[in-house]
Amino acid sequence: MFADPTFWVAVSFVLFVALTFKMVWQKATTALDARANEIRNRLEEAQNLREEAQAAKANYQRLQRDALKEAEAILAHAREEAKRMREEGEKKLEASLARREQLAIEKIAAAEAKALQDVREQMVDLAMAATRQLIESNIDGAVRSRLVADAVAEIPTRLQ
């Protein structure tokens, strides 16, 4: 059996296959281990990215809530400001209307006074015209001369 070359070829073949299998097995396990490590690293990286994404999402949701609260506060402030401005405008309008009403009353009073003055002046003119007409028709030349002389005589006493 040890002298048979077929035995030694078989032993050599078995040793060759065993050594080749061992080397292939080592390279395959090394490659598989490297691939497993790469997959593990990628999974860890993916997990980290997921956690970062969730943190960013939570941050954005918080920022959105804060922005909504701020927008509501701005709207409330704008409503209050509009209400205050409306009330202020109403007060100014009332004051303006009161001033205009007072001015209109004063203008009406002035117009009434002017109208009364005009009526009085017309009455005086009318009374003087009527008096002149009565005097001209009822007074003769002698009475007229005597009245002029009396008026001229009274001038020095009236001027003092």
Foldseek 3Di string as FASTA:
>chain_A
DVPDVVVVVVVVVVVVCVVVCVVVVVVVVVVVVVVVVVVVVVVVVVVVVVVVVVVVVVVVVVVVVVVVVVVVVVVVVVVVVVVVVVVVVVVVVVVVVVVVVVVVVVVVVVVVVVVVVVVVVVVVVVVVVVVVVCCVVPDDDVVVVVVVVVVVVCVVVVVD
